[in-house]
Amino acid sequence: MAVLGIITCEILENEFAYLLGKDQEVAKITILEDSKSARLIKLLELKGVKNLHQIPHISSFSPKPSEHLEVLVRVLEVALHRKKHILQKGIVSAAREMNRYVDAFLLGYGLCGNALRNPIELLDVDVPVFYPVDDDHPVDDCVSMIMGGRDCYYAEQCRIPGTYFMTPGWTYHWKSMFGHNPCNIDSDILKRVFKKYKRSLLVLTPVMPEDEMKQNTEEFDKLLKLQVEEHKGTIEILNTAWKKAKSFIKTKIE
């Protein structure tokens, strides 16, 4: 058997649910069960995934004897992004806890404000580390990843300065980005923070229906009086990293 460890942010839960849910090569999906992974688990259950297992702690992980790929998933909270060193600490801590159980890591992160400028050096683990790449460098962040890379991202920023990019994950978690209680958003603070923003750009991909994305952001758009536009996104950058990590794991199985 061979195990791929996945460490990702809540923002990419839809994308990983999409990739894992339809991949017939995955024999078993084990997820560390907590408040951060709850929605990923729900999404996989809604897809009818049968090989899904939940554990209360990484030490509870027990690989299944198999000649197929197995994944061990840890989901980290969006709030870690507020400070670079906190995000680094969270990812490193997760990797060190999982290291003894996996044959490689796949990170569901970009550079994220240069917190992961050198992911391999940062994690300092004894197994290979795979991550989403834009040309010859780690992708800038989750938005750039879903936009299709830096060039696409920058082009839309230049076309309409004051654009807020709404990927599937951000449409669901947008309240969490401000550190507010989701039930108690301060509209005055929100308006001050976004006073120069003009547009909400929905980045559409197959992982979430357009209607659901619009419903998720309706409050945000109305509150800030933003014009809503749509842009065709992609999960190909993440999918490429997933395929590379899988290819390595297959060599361990063979």
C-alpha atoms as a PDB file:
ATOM      1  CA  MET A   1       0.000   0.000   0.000  1.00  0.00           C
ATOM      2  CA  ALA A   2       1.062   3.657  -0.419  1.00  0.00           C
ATOM      3  CA  VAL A   3      -0.421   6.729   1.215  1.00  0.00           C
ATOM      4  CA  LEU A   4      -0.622  10.289  -0.073  1.00  0.00           C
ATOM      5  CA  GLY A   5      -0.979  12.923   2.633  1.00  0.00           C
ATOM      6  CA  ILE A   6      -3.066  15.947   1.661  1.00  0.00           C
ATOM      7  CA  ILE A   7      -2.860  19.180   3.627  1.00  0.00           C
ATOM      8  CA  THR A   8      -5.257  21.828   2.393  1.00  0.00           C
ATOM      9  CA  CYS A   9      -7.154  24.949   3.375  1.00  0.00           C
ATOM     10  CA  GLU A  10     -10.936  24.976   3.788  1.00  0.00           C
ATOM     11  CA  ILE A  11     -11.110  27.173   0.689  1.00  0.00           C
ATOM     12  CA  LEU A  12     -10.264  24.214  -1.572  1.00  0.00           C
ATOM     13  CA  GLU A  13     -12.667  21.713  -0.002  1.00  0.00           C
ATOM     14  CA  ASN A  14     -14.939  21.784  -3.071  1.00  0.00           C
ATOM     15  CA  GLU A  15     -12.035  21.144  -5.426  1.00  0.00           C
ATOM     16  CA  PHE A  16     -10.686  18.216  -3.409  1.00  0.00           C
ATOM     17  CA  ALA A  17     -14.178  16.766  -3.004  1.00  0.00           C
ATOM     18  CA  TYR A  18     -14.507  16.926  -6.794  1.00  0.00           C
ATOM     19  CA  LEU A  19     -11.134  15.280  -7.472  1.00  0.00           C
ATOM     20  CA  LEU A  20     -11.359  12.622  -4.770  1.00  0.00           C
ATOM     21  CA  GLY A  21     -15.016  11.863  -5.334  1.00  0.00           C
ATOM     22  CA  LYS A  22     -14.584  10.812  -8.946  1.00  0.00           C
ATOM     23  CA  ASP A  23     -11.168   9.145  -8.842  1.00  0.00           C
ATOM     24  CA  GLN A  24     -11.559   5.382  -9.088  1.00  0.00           C
ATOM     25  CA  GLU A  25      -7.884   4.818  -8.279  1.00  0.00           C
ATOM     26  CA  VAL A  26      -8.350   5.939  -4.677  1.00  0.00           C
ATOM     27  CA  ALA A  27      -9.011   2.877  -2.528  1.00  0.00           C
ATOM     28  CA  LYS A  28      -9.550   4.684   0.768  1.00  0.00           C
ATOM     29  CA  ILE A  29     -10.018   8.286   1.901  1.00  0.00           C
ATOM     30  CA  THR A  30      -9.246   8.984   5.557  1.00  0.00           C
ATOM     31  CA  ILE A  31      -9.961  12.462   6.934  1.00  0.00           C
ATOM     32  CA  LEU A  32      -9.051  13.903  10.300  1.00  0.00           C
ATOM     33  CA  GLU A  33     -12.499  14.804  11.604  1.00  0.00           C
ATOM     34  CA  ASP A  34     -12.905  18.268  13.137  1.00  0.00           C
ATOM     35  CA  SER A  35     -14.790  21.508  12.498  1.00  0.00           C
ATOM     36  CA  LYS A  36     -12.479  22.424   9.591  1.00  0.00           C
ATOM     37  CA  SER A  37     -13.003  19.166   7.707  1.00  0.00           C
ATOM     38  CA  ALA A  38     -16.743  18.897   8.347  1.00  0.00           C
ATOM     39  CA  ARG A  39     -17.794  20.400   5.025  1.00  0.00           C
ATOM     40  CA  LEU A  40     -15.335  18.341   2.967  1.00  0.00           C
ATOM     41  CA  ILE A  41     -16.718  15.208   4.629  1.00  0.00           C
ATOM     42  CA  LYS A  42     -20.277  16.337   3.885  1.00  0.00           C
ATOM     43  CA  LEU A  43     -19.446  17.049   0.233  1.00  0.00           C
ATOM     44  CA  LEU A  44     -17.913  13.592  -0.204  1.00  0.00           C
ATOM     45  CA  GLU A  45     -20.886  11.943   1.493  1.00  0.00           C
ATOM     46  CA  LEU A  46     -23.257  13.813  -0.828  1.00  0.00           C
ATOM     47  CA  LYS A  47     -21.305  12.384  -3.770  1.00  0.00           C
ATOM     48  CA  GLY A  48     -21.960   8.908  -2.406  1.00  0.00           C
ATOM     49  CA  VAL A  49     -18.307   8.130  -1.702  1.00  0.00           C
ATOM     50  CA  LYS A  50     -18.184   4.712  -0.039  1.00  0.00           C
ATOM     51  CA  ASN A  51     -14.496   4.462   0.835  1.00  0.00           C
ATOM     52  CA  LEU A  52     -14.586   7.408   3.242  1.00  0.00           C
ATOM     53  CA  HIS A  53     -13.261   7.036   6.794  1.00  0.00           C
ATOM     54  CA  GLN A  54     -13.055   9.572   9.604  1.00  0.00           C
ATOM     55  CA  ILE A  55     -10.607   9.540  12.498  1.00  0.00           C
ATOM     56  CA  PRO A  56     -10.435  11.704  15.657  1.00  0.00           C
ATOM     57  CA  HIS A  57      -6.640  11.989  15.632  1.00  0.00           C
ATOM     58  CA  ILE A  58      -3.815  11.326  13.179  1.00  0.00           C
ATOM     59  CA  SER A  59      -2.476   8.593  15.487  1.00  0.00           C
ATOM     60  CA  SER A  60      -5.729   6.706  14.860  1.00  0.00           C
ATOM     61  CA  PHE A  61      -4.823   6.250  11.205  1.00  0.00           C
ATOM     62  CA  SER A  62      -4.553   2.636  10.080  1.00  0.00           C
ATOM     63  CA  PRO A  63      -3.639   2.080   6.402  1.00  0.00           C
ATOM     64  CA  LYS A  64      -5.679  -0.483   4.514  1.00  0.00           C
ATOM     65  CA  PRO A  65      -3.693  -3.324   2.904  1.00  0.00           C
ATOM     66  CA  SER A  66      -4.162  -2.655  -0.782  1.00  0.00           C
ATOM     67  CA  GLU A  67      -2.390  -2.304  -4.101  1.00  0.00           C
ATOM     68  CA  HIS A  68      -4.170   0.980  -4.710  1.00  0.00           C
ATOM     69  CA  LEU A  69      -3.761   4.585  -3.680  1.00  0.00           C
ATOM     70  CA  GLU A  70      -4.868   5.695  -0.222  1.00  0.00           C
ATOM     71  CA  VAL A  71      -5.122   9.296   0.974  1.00  0.00           C
ATOM     72  CA  LEU A  72      -4.918  10.845   4.418  1.00  0.00           C
ATOM     73  CA  VAL A  73      -6.410  14.346   4.542  1.00  0.00           C
ATOM     74  CA  ARG A  74      -5.943  17.215   6.982  1.00  0.00           C
ATOM     75  CA  VAL A  75      -7.985  20.396   6.470  1.00  0.00           C
ATOM     76  CA  LEU A  76      -6.718  23.627   8.042  1.00  0.00           C
ATOM     77  CA  GLU A  77      -8.788  26.700   8.797  1.00  0.00           C
ATOM     78  CA  VAL A  78      -8.977  29.801   6.593  1.00  0.00           C
ATOM     79  CA  ALA A  79      -8.045  32.045   9.527  1.00  0.00           C
ATOM     80  CA  LEU A  80      -4.415  30.849   9.496  1.00  0.00           C
ATOM     81  CA  HIS A  81      -3.840  33.183   6.524  1.00  0.00           C
ATOM     82  CA  ARG A  82      -4.110  36.285   8.698  1.00  0.00           C
ATOM     83  CA  LYS A  83      -0.431  36.104   9.581  1.00  0.00           C
ATOM     84  CA  LYS A  84       2.353  34.500   7.565  1.00  0.00           C
ATOM     85  CA  HIS A  85       4.113  32.819  10.487  1.00  0.00           C
ATOM     86  CA  ILE A  86       0.844  31.379  11.836  1.00  0.00           C
ATOM     87  CA  LEU A  87       0.050  29.804   8.464  1.00  0.00           C
ATOM     88  CA  GLN A  88       3.569  28.377   8.223  1.00  0.00           C
ATOM     89  CA  LYS A  89       3.365  26.982  11.739  1.00  0.00           C
ATOM     90  CA  GLY A  90       0.004  25.334  11.049  1.00  0.00           C
ATOM     91  CA  ILE A  91       1.151  23.629   7.862  1.00  0.00           C
ATOM     92  CA  VAL A  92       4.479  22.492   9.327  1.00  0.00           C
ATOM     93  CA  SER A  93       2.769  21.109  12.430  1.00  0.00           C
ATOM     94  CA  ALA A  94       0.272  19.150  10.316  1.00  0.00           C
ATOM     95  CA  ALA A  95       3.036  17.763   8.090  1.00  0.00           C
ATOM     96  CA  ARG A  96       5.137  16.591  11.022  1.00  0.00           C
ATOM     97  CA  GLU A  97       2.166  14.818  12.609  1.00  0.00           C
ATOM     98  CA  MET A  98       1.377  13.043   9.335  1.00  0.00           C
ATOM     99  CA  ASN A  99       4.924  12.388   8.118  1.00  0.00           C
ATOM    100  CA  ARG A 100       5.348   8.896   9.592  1.00  0.00           C
ATOM    101  CA  TYR A 101       2.137   7.672   7.942  1.00  0.00           C
ATOM    102  CA  VAL A 102       2.566   8.922   4.361  1.00  0.00           C
ATOM    103  CA  ASP A 103       4.790   8.335   1.344  1.00  0.00           C
ATOM    104  CA  ALA A 104       4.359  11.839  -0.103  1.00  0.00           C
ATOM    105  CA  PHE A 105       2.513  15.101   0.529  1.00  0.00           C
ATOM    106  CA  LEU A 106       0.225  17.174  -1.686  1.00  0.00           C
ATOM    107  CA  LEU A 107      -0.346  20.736  -0.497  1.00  0.00           C
ATOM    108  CA  GLY A 108      -3.585  22.533  -1.317  1.00  0.00           C
ATOM    109  CA  TYR A 109      -1.903  25.922  -1.070  1.00  0.00           C
ATOM    110  CA  GLY A 110      -0.172  28.521  -3.204  1.00  0.00           C
ATOM    111  CA  LEU A 111       2.500  30.997  -2.189  1.00  0.00           C
ATOM    112  CA  CYS A 112      -0.089  32.676   0.085  1.00  0.00           C
ATOM    113  CA  GLY A 113       1.822  35.910   0.653  1.00  0.00           C
ATOM    114  CA  ASN A 114       5.148  34.071   0.300  1.00  0.00           C
ATOM    115  CA  ALA A 115       4.399  31.915   3.341  1.00  0.00           C
ATOM    116  CA  LEU A 116       5.135  28.904   1.124  1.00  0.00           C
ATOM    117  CA  ARG A 117       7.863  30.410  -1.038  1.00  0.00           C
ATOM    118  CA  ASN A 118       9.854  27.200  -0.654  1.00  0.00           C
ATOM    119  CA  PRO A 119       7.409  24.458   0.438  1.00  0.00           C
ATOM    120  CA  ILE A 120       9.955  21.636   0.467  1.00  0.00           C
ATOM    121  CA  GLU A 121      12.382  23.552   2.665  1.00  0.00           C
ATOM    122  CA  LEU A 122       9.567  24.773   4.924  1.00  0.00           C
ATOM    123  CA  LEU A 123       8.111  21.338   5.633  1.00  0.00           C
ATOM    124  CA  ASP A 124      11.509  19.665   6.030  1.00  0.00           C
ATOM    125  CA  VAL A 125      10.059  16.147   5.835  1.00  0.00           C
ATOM    126  CA  ASP A 126      11.639  12.946   4.542  1.00  0.00           C
ATOM    127  CA  VAL A 127       9.091  12.301   1.762  1.00  0.00           C
ATOM    128  CA  PRO A 128       8.439  14.160  -1.522  1.00  0.00           C
ATOM    129  CA  VAL A 129       6.241  17.264  -1.429  1.00  0.00           C
ATOM    130  CA  PHE A 130       3.976  18.179  -4.369  1.00  0.00           C
ATOM    131  CA  TYR A 131       2.147  21.477  -4.775  1.00  0.00           C
ATOM    132  CA  PRO A 132       0.244  23.457  -7.442  1.00  0.00           C
ATOM    133  CA  VAL A 133       2.609  25.106  -9.917  1.00  0.00           C
ATOM    134  CA  ASP A 134       2.112  28.045 -12.278  1.00  0.00           C
ATOM    135  CA  ASP A 135       4.774  27.662 -14.988  1.00  0.00           C
ATOM    136  CA  ASP A 136       8.013  27.360 -12.987  1.00  0.00           C
ATOM    137  CA  HIS A 137       6.884  28.608  -9.572  1.00  0.00           C
ATOM    138  CA  PRO A 138       4.280  27.769  -6.928  1.00  0.00           C
ATOM    139  CA  VAL A 139       0.928  29.293  -7.861  1.00  0.00           C
ATOM    140  CA  ASP A 140       0.372  32.664  -6.149  1.00  0.00           C
ATOM    141  CA  ASP A 141      -2.681  31.723  -4.086  1.00  0.00           C
ATOM    142  CA  CYS A 142      -5.978  29.873  -4.264  1.00  0.00           C
ATOM    143  CA  VAL A 143      -7.586  32.549  -6.437  1.00  0.00           C
ATOM    144  CA  SER A 144      -4.740  32.528  -8.949  1.00  0.00           C
ATOM    145  CA  MET A 145      -4.943  28.723  -8.925  1.00  0.00           C
ATOM    146  CA  ILE A 146      -8.635  28.735  -9.900  1.00  0.00           C
ATOM    147  CA  MET A 147      -8.225  31.635 -12.336  1.00  0.00           C
ATOM    148  CA  GLY A 148      -5.702  29.576 -14.289  1.00  0.00           C
ATOM    149  CA  GLY A 149      -2.502  31.297 -13.224  1.00  0.00           C
ATOM    150  CA  ARG A 150      -0.862  34.664 -12.602  1.00  0.00           C
ATOM    151  CA  ASP A 151      -1.454  36.101 -16.077  1.00  0.00           C
ATOM    152  CA  CYS A 152      -5.219  35.535 -15.993  1.00  0.00           C
ATOM    153  CA  TYR A 153      -5.429  36.818 -12.432  1.00  0.00           C
ATOM    154  CA  TYR A 154      -3.463  39.976 -13.162  1.00  0.00           C
ATOM    155  CA  ALA A 155      -5.368  40.706 -16.381  1.00  0.00           C
ATOM    156  CA  GLU A 156      -8.687  40.832 -14.501  1.00  0.00           C
ATOM    157  CA  GLN A 157      -7.177  42.966 -11.752  1.00  0.00           C
ATOM    158  CA  CYS A 158      -6.024  45.455 -14.376  1.00  0.00           C
ATOM    159  CA  ARG A 159      -9.276  45.378 -16.323  1.00  0.00           C
ATOM    160  CA  ILE A 160     -11.311  46.530 -13.346  1.00  0.00           C
ATOM    161  CA  PRO A 161      -9.274  47.665 -10.314  1.00  0.00           C
ATOM    162  CA  GLY A 162     -11.314  47.073  -7.192  1.00  0.00           C
ATOM    163  CA  THR A 163     -12.351  43.521  -8.062  1.00  0.00           C
ATOM    164  CA  TYR A 164     -13.071  40.939  -5.393  1.00  0.00           C
ATOM    165  CA  PHE A 165     -12.535  37.421  -6.712  1.00  0.00           C
ATOM    166  CA  MET A 166     -15.109  34.876  -5.602  1.00  0.00           C
ATOM    167  CA  THR A 167     -13.948  31.300  -6.177  1.00  0.00           C
ATOM    168  CA  PRO A 168     -16.302  28.498  -5.039  1.00  0.00           C
ATOM    169  CA  GLY A 169     -14.557  28.269  -1.675  1.00  0.00           C
ATOM    170  CA  TRP A 170     -14.604  31.999  -1.059  1.00  0.00           C
ATOM    171  CA  THR A 171     -18.307  32.245  -1.887  1.00  0.00           C
ATOM    172  CA  TYR A 172     -18.966  29.889   1.024  1.00  0.00           C
ATOM    173  CA  HIS A 173     -16.335  31.189   3.474  1.00  0.00           C
ATOM    174  CA  TRP A 174     -16.311  34.918   2.692  1.00  0.00           C
ATOM    175  CA  LYS A 175     -17.445  35.871   6.200  1.00  0.00           C
ATOM    176  CA  SER A 176     -14.548  33.953   7.745  1.00  0.00           C
ATOM    177  CA  MET A 177     -11.938  36.024   5.921  1.00  0.00           C
ATOM    178  CA  PHE A 178     -12.608  38.983   8.216  1.00  0.00           C
ATOM    179  CA  GLY A 179     -12.413  37.047  11.452  1.00  0.00           C
ATOM    180  CA  HIS A 180     -16.025  37.892  12.282  1.00  0.00           C
ATOM    181  CA  ASN A 181     -18.583  35.653  13.835  1.00  0.00           C
ATOM    182  CA  PRO A 182     -20.506  34.498  10.734  1.00  0.00           C
ATOM    183  CA  CYS A 183     -23.747  35.393  12.500  1.00  0.00           C
ATOM    184  CA  ASN A 184     -22.601  38.890  13.437  1.00  0.00           C
ATOM    185  CA  ILE A 185     -21.065  40.669  10.456  1.00  0.00           C
ATOM    186  CA  ASP A 186     -20.409  44.378  11.087  1.00  0.00           C
ATOM    187  CA  SER A 187     -21.703  45.966   7.883  1.00  0.00           C
ATOM    188  CA  ASP A 188     -20.153  49.362   8.607  1.00  0.00           C
ATOM    189  CA  ILE A 189     -16.669  47.885   8.943  1.00  0.00           C
ATOM    190  CA  LEU A 190     -17.211  45.828   5.811  1.00  0.00           C
ATOM    191  CA  LYS A 191     -18.218  48.914   3.837  1.00  0.00           C
ATOM    192  CA  ARG A 192     -15.155  50.825   5.006  1.00  0.00           C
ATOM    193  CA  VAL A 193     -12.803  47.982   4.110  1.00  0.00           C
ATOM    194  CA  PHE A 194     -14.334  47.575   0.647  1.00  0.00           C
ATOM    195  CA  LYS A 195     -15.172  51.222  -0.138  1.00  0.00           C
ATOM    196  CA  LYS A 196     -12.970  51.213  -3.268  1.00  0.00           C
ATOM    197  CA  TYR A 197     -14.235  47.903  -4.615  1.00  0.00           C
ATOM    198  CA  LYS A 198     -16.497  47.964  -7.665  1.00  0.00           C
ATOM    199  CA  ARG A 199     -16.903  44.381  -8.808  1.00  0.00           C
ATOM    200  CA  SER A 200     -17.526  40.886  -7.476  1.00  0.00           C
ATOM    201  CA  LEU A 201     -16.140  38.358  -9.965  1.00  0.00           C
ATOM    202  CA  LEU A 202     -17.554  34.843  -9.738  1.00  0.00           C
ATOM    203  CA  VAL A 203     -14.881  32.376 -10.882  1.00  0.00           C
ATOM    204  CA  LEU A 204     -16.911  29.479 -12.242  1.00  0.00           C
ATOM    205  CA  THR A 205     -15.693  25.868 -12.278  1.00  0.00           C
ATOM    206  CA  PRO A 206     -17.416  22.458 -12.282  1.00  0.00           C
ATOM    207  CA  VAL A 207     -17.049  22.055  -8.494  1.00  0.00           C
ATOM    208  CA  MET A 208     -20.000  24.292  -7.564  1.00  0.00           C
ATOM    209  CA  PRO A 209     -23.138  25.293  -9.499  1.00  0.00           C
ATOM    210  CA  GLU A 210     -23.345  28.928 -10.607  1.00  0.00           C
ATOM    211  CA  ASP A 211     -26.695  29.399  -8.852  1.00  0.00           C
ATOM    212  CA  GLU A 212     -25.205  28.240  -5.549  1.00  0.00           C
ATOM    213  CA  MET A 213     -22.270  30.637  -5.907  1.00  0.00           C
ATOM    214  CA  LYS A 214     -24.624  33.550  -6.578  1.00  0.00           C
ATOM    215  CA  GLN A 215     -26.784  32.637  -3.601  1.00  0.00           C
ATOM    216  CA  ASN A 216     -23.706  32.402  -1.349  1.00  0.00           C
ATOM    217  CA  THR A 217     -22.537  35.911  -2.303  1.00  0.00           C
ATOM    218  CA  GLU A 218     -25.869  37.695  -2.560  1.00  0.00           C
ATOM    219  CA  GLU A 219     -25.553  39.309   0.877  1.00  0.00           C
ATOM    220  CA  PHE A 220     -21.968  40.419   0.198  1.00  0.00           C
ATOM    221  CA  ASP A 221     -22.783  41.925  -3.201  1.00  0.00           C
ATOM    222  CA  LYS A 222     -25.909  43.746  -2.052  1.00  0.00           C
ATOM    223  CA  LEU A 223     -24.286  45.124   1.071  1.00  0.00           C
ATOM    224  CA  LEU A 224     -21.358  46.584  -0.883  1.00  0.00           C
ATOM    225  CA  LYS A 225     -23.387  47.429  -4.017  1.00  0.00           C
ATOM    226  CA  LEU A 226     -20.961  45.581  -6.265  1.00  0.00           C
ATOM    227  CA  GLN A 227     -21.549  44.774  -9.892  1.00  0.00           C
ATOM    228  CA  VAL A 228     -21.475  41.013 -10.394  1.00  0.00           C
ATOM    229  CA  GLU A 229     -19.638  39.459 -13.311  1.00  0.00           C
ATOM    230  CA  GLU A 230     -18.576  35.928 -14.162  1.00  0.00           C
ATOM    231  CA  HIS A 231     -15.297  34.441 -15.350  1.00  0.00           C
ATOM    232  CA  LYS A 232     -14.577  30.908 -16.472  1.00  0.00           C
ATOM    233  CA  GLY A 233     -12.099  29.332 -14.074  1.00  0.00           C
ATOM    234  CA  THR A 234     -10.310  25.993 -14.029  1.00  0.00           C
ATOM    235  CA  ILE A 235      -9.122  23.325 -11.622  1.00  0.00           C
ATOM    236  CA  GLU A 236      -6.413  22.162 -14.000  1.00  0.00           C
ATOM    237  CA  ILE A 237      -3.494  23.565 -11.971  1.00  0.00           C
ATOM    238  CA  LEU A 238      -4.616  21.640  -8.886  1.00  0.00           C
ATOM    239  CA  ASN A 239      -5.488  18.595 -10.983  1.00  0.00           C
ATOM    240  CA  THR A 240      -1.984  18.563 -12.488  1.00  0.00           C
ATOM    241  CA  ALA A 241      -0.424  18.580  -9.006  1.00  0.00           C
ATOM    242  CA  TRP A 242      -2.824  15.787  -7.981  1.00  0.00           C
ATOM    243  CA  LYS A 243      -1.815  13.679 -10.997  1.00  0.00           C
ATOM    244  CA  LYS A 244       1.903  14.176 -10.327  1.00  0.00           C
ATOM    245  CA  ALA A 245       1.496  13.141  -6.695  1.00  0.00           C
ATOM    246  CA  LYS A 246      -0.539  10.101  -7.764  1.00  0.00           C
ATOM    247  CA  SER A 247       2.095   9.090 -10.321  1.00  0.00           C
ATOM    248  CA  PHE A 248       4.741   9.078  -7.613  1.00  0.00           C
ATOM    249  CA  ILE A 249       2.545   7.028  -5.276  1.00  0.00           C
ATOM    250  CA  LYS A 250       2.011   4.463  -8.051  1.00  0.00           C
ATOM    251  CA  THR A 251       5.767   3.880  -8.200  1.00  0.00           C
ATOM    252  CA  LYS A 252       5.668   3.004  -4.497  1.00  0.00           C
ATOM    253  CA  ILE A 253       2.861   0.516  -5.103  1.00  0.00           C
ATOM    254  CA  GLU A 254       4.612  -1.136  -8.028  1.00  0.00           C
END
